[in-house]
Amino acid sequence: FVLAPRPAAGLGIEPSPQLKTRQKLAMLELRLSLEADASALAAQRRSAEQLAAMEAALADFGRCQERGEGTTEADFRFHELIAEATGNEYFVLVLRSLGKATIPRTPSRRAPAAKVHRFGDTTPALQAGKSVTLQEHHEVLDAIRRGDPTQARAAMYLHLCKSIERLKAASG
């Protein structure tokens, strides 16, 4: 008998357009610890190529923002590149699982016909928040570039705390 290959291991978190704000906030709380430490490790372990890729992701984010396009892909890519720069495959696995659940990459077949706004969508009300997000990302990148794990951890922690505040304000 020949068996089908086993699916890749994950956290069992599936993307859903109906993901509740409470669930997104809980995932962001988990990301606080995970990504703060990942940023510290990335500051110590990143290669020149990984740093260049992070810089390119932020440049893409800025270009998309200036053109009024969605920034989700560039935003997620920046966070994913930091996880990869740790050299620890489990940071990447967890981040990808959380990212797929909270930031769907493709339209869901079950999504309603009406537009559902998500972070990264082109919405005029979100433009100011994107500028702040980009600045926060640059602060994380600057600490990683300098090889300062303490500042990288603090900058990412602050960024995600502010992301939680923005999500609460948008949901309230």
Protein backbone atom coordinates (compact mmCIF):
# COMPACT_ATOMS: atom_id res chain seq x y z
CA PHE A 1 0.00 0.00 0.00
CA VAL A 2 1.11 3.52 -0.72
CA LEU A 3 0.01 6.20 1.69
CA ALA A 4 -0.38 9.87 0.97
CA PRO A 5 2.34 12.04 2.52
CA ARG A 6 1.54 13.43 5.93
CA PRO A 7 0.62 17.11 5.94
CA ALA A 8 3.22 19.50 7.33
CA ALA A 9 3.08 19.85 11.08
CA GLY A 10 1.51 23.03 12.32
CA LEU A 11 -0.34 24.40 15.28
CA GLY A 12 -3.79 23.48 14.00
CA ILE A 13 -4.78 27.13 13.62
CA GLU A 14 -6.75 27.54 10.44
CA PRO A 15 -7.36 30.81 8.58
CA SER A 16 -10.89 32.10 8.96
CA PRO A 17 -12.56 35.31 7.87
CA GLN A 18 -14.75 34.96 10.96
CA LEU A 19 -11.81 34.98 13.37
CA LYS A 20 -12.98 36.94 16.39
CA THR A 21 -11.19 40.02 17.68
CA ARG A 22 -10.72 38.23 21.00
CA GLN A 23 -8.85 35.44 19.21
CA LYS A 24 -6.69 37.90 17.26
CA LEU A 25 -5.80 39.68 20.51
CA ALA A 26 -4.89 36.35 22.13
CA MET A 27 -2.63 35.52 19.18
CA LEU A 28 -0.98 38.93 19.38
CA GLU A 29 -0.31 38.31 23.07
CA LEU A 30 1.42 35.05 22.14
CA ARG A 31 3.39 36.86 19.46
CA LEU A 32 4.62 39.38 22.07
CA SER A 33 6.82 36.78 23.72
CA LEU A 34 7.65 34.85 20.58
CA GLU A 35 8.64 37.73 18.34
CA ALA A 36 10.37 39.81 20.99
CA ASP A 37 12.76 36.92 21.64
CA ALA A 38 13.02 36.18 17.91
CA SER A 39 14.11 39.78 17.32
CA ALA A 40 16.80 39.48 20.00
CA LEU A 41 18.12 36.28 18.44
CA ALA A 42 17.95 37.78 14.95
CA ALA A 43 20.09 40.70 16.15
CA GLN A 44 22.75 38.18 17.19
CA ARG A 45 22.47 35.67 14.35
CA ARG A 46 21.28 37.41 11.18
CA SER A 47 23.34 37.27 8.04
CA ALA A 48 24.00 40.19 5.71
CA GLU A 49 21.61 38.60 3.19
CA GLN A 50 18.86 38.28 5.79
CA LEU A 51 19.32 41.90 6.82
CA ALA A 52 19.07 42.98 3.17
CA ALA A 53 15.85 40.96 2.79
CA MET A 54 14.36 42.66 5.88
CA GLU A 55 15.28 46.06 4.45
CA ALA A 56 13.66 45.11 1.12
CA ALA A 57 10.45 44.02 2.90
CA LEU A 58 10.21 47.40 4.62
CA ALA A 59 10.93 49.21 1.36
CA ASP A 60 8.06 47.23 -0.24
CA PHE A 61 5.81 48.13 2.70
CA GLY A 62 6.62 51.83 2.19
CA ARG A 63 6.01 51.68 -1.57
CA CYS A 64 2.68 49.91 -1.11
CA GLN A 65 1.62 52.43 1.51
CA GLU A 66 2.55 55.39 -0.73
CA ARG A 67 0.51 53.92 -3.60
CA GLY A 68 -2.46 53.20 -1.33
CA GLU A 69 -2.09 49.44 -1.83
CA GLY A 70 -2.35 46.69 0.77
CA THR A 71 0.72 46.24 2.98
CA THR A 72 -0.14 42.84 4.46
CA GLU A 73 2.32 40.78 2.44
CA ALA A 74 5.31 43.05 3.07
CA ASP A 75 4.40 43.37 6.75
CA PHE A 76 4.16 39.61 7.25
CA ARG A 77 7.32 39.02 5.21
CA PHE A 78 9.27 41.35 7.54
CA HIS A 79 8.13 39.42 10.62
CA GLU A 80 8.79 36.10 8.90
CA LEU A 81 12.32 37.14 7.91
CA ILE A 82 13.09 38.01 11.53
CA ALA A 83 11.89 34.55 12.57
CA GLU A 84 14.08 32.97 9.86
CA ALA A 85 17.10 34.99 11.03
CA THR A 86 16.92 33.25 14.44
CA GLY A 87 18.14 30.07 12.77
CA ASN A 88 15.45 28.23 14.74
CA GLU A 89 12.86 26.56 12.53
CA TYR A 90 10.25 26.54 15.30
CA PHE A 91 10.04 30.33 15.45
CA VAL A 92 9.19 30.23 11.75
CA LEU A 93 6.66 27.40 12.17
CA VAL A 94 4.75 29.14 14.95
CA LEU A 95 4.78 32.55 13.26
CA ARG A 96 3.56 31.12 9.96
CA SER A 97 0.75 29.27 11.72
CA LEU A 98 -0.36 32.41 13.53
CA GLY A 99 0.05 34.57 10.45
CA LYS A 100 -2.05 32.29 8.29
CA ALA A 101 -4.83 32.40 10.86
CA THR A 102 -4.83 36.14 11.42
CA ILE A 103 -3.80 37.44 7.99
CA PRO A 104 -5.42 35.32 5.25
CA ARG A 105 -3.41 35.39 2.01
CA THR A 106 -6.17 34.36 -0.39
CA PRO A 107 -9.88 35.12 -0.41
CA SER A 108 -11.93 32.51 1.38
CA ARG A 109 -14.66 30.73 -0.55
CA ARG A 110 -16.87 31.15 2.50
CA ALA A 111 -16.23 34.89 2.80
CA PRO A 112 -19.32 37.05 2.43
CA ALA A 113 -19.70 39.11 -0.71
CA ALA A 114 -19.41 42.34 1.33
CA LYS A 115 -15.90 43.69 1.86
CA VAL A 116 -14.44 42.66 5.22
CA HIS A 117 -11.61 44.99 6.25
CA ARG A 118 -8.46 43.39 7.60
CA PHE A 119 -5.13 44.88 8.60
CA GLY A 120 -3.23 45.73 5.46
CA ASP A 121 -6.31 46.45 3.37
CA THR A 122 -6.46 49.75 1.54
CA THR A 123 -8.66 51.73 3.92
CA PRO A 124 -8.13 55.48 4.34
CA ALA A 125 -8.73 55.24 8.11
CA LEU A 126 -5.82 52.79 8.42
CA GLN A 127 -3.25 54.94 6.59
CA ALA A 128 -2.03 56.80 9.70
CA GLY A 129 -1.61 53.49 11.53
CA LYS A 130 0.46 52.14 8.66
CA SER A 131 2.91 55.03 8.98
CA VAL A 132 3.29 54.29 12.68
CA THR A 133 3.68 50.57 11.98
CA LEU A 134 6.38 51.26 9.40
CA GLN A 135 8.25 53.48 11.87
CA GLU A 136 8.02 50.76 14.53
CA HIS A 137 9.35 48.22 12.05
CA HIS A 138 12.29 50.49 11.26
CA GLU A 139 13.11 50.73 14.97
CA VAL A 140 13.20 46.91 15.17
CA LEU A 141 15.32 46.74 12.02
CA ASP A 142 17.76 49.38 13.28
CA ALA A 143 18.38 47.38 16.47
CA ILE A 144 18.86 44.17 14.48
CA ARG A 145 21.24 45.97 12.11
CA ARG A 146 23.31 47.21 15.09
CA GLY A 147 23.36 43.70 16.58
CA ASP A 148 21.65 44.95 19.77
CA PRO A 149 19.49 42.10 21.10
CA THR A 150 18.17 44.05 24.09
CA GLN A 151 16.93 46.94 21.96
CA ALA A 152 15.61 44.61 19.25
CA ARG A 153 13.56 42.73 21.85
CA ALA A 154 12.24 45.98 23.34
CA ALA A 155 11.38 47.49 19.94
CA MET A 156 9.45 44.41 18.82
CA TYR A 157 7.66 44.14 22.17
CA LEU A 158 6.61 47.79 21.92
CA HIS A 159 5.51 47.34 18.30
CA LEU A 160 3.26 44.41 19.16
CA CYS A 161 1.87 46.16 22.27
CA LYS A 162 0.95 49.10 20.04
CA SER A 163 -0.55 46.66 17.51
CA ILE A 164 -2.78 45.29 20.26
CA GLU A 165 -3.84 48.84 21.17
CA ARG A 166 -4.62 49.61 17.52
CA LEU A 167 -6.68 46.43 17.14
CA LYS A 168 -8.64 47.19 20.30
CA ALA A 169 -9.30 50.76 19.14
CA ALA A 170 -10.43 49.58 15.70
CA SER A 171 -12.72 46.94 17.22
CA GLY A 172 -14.14 49.10 19.98
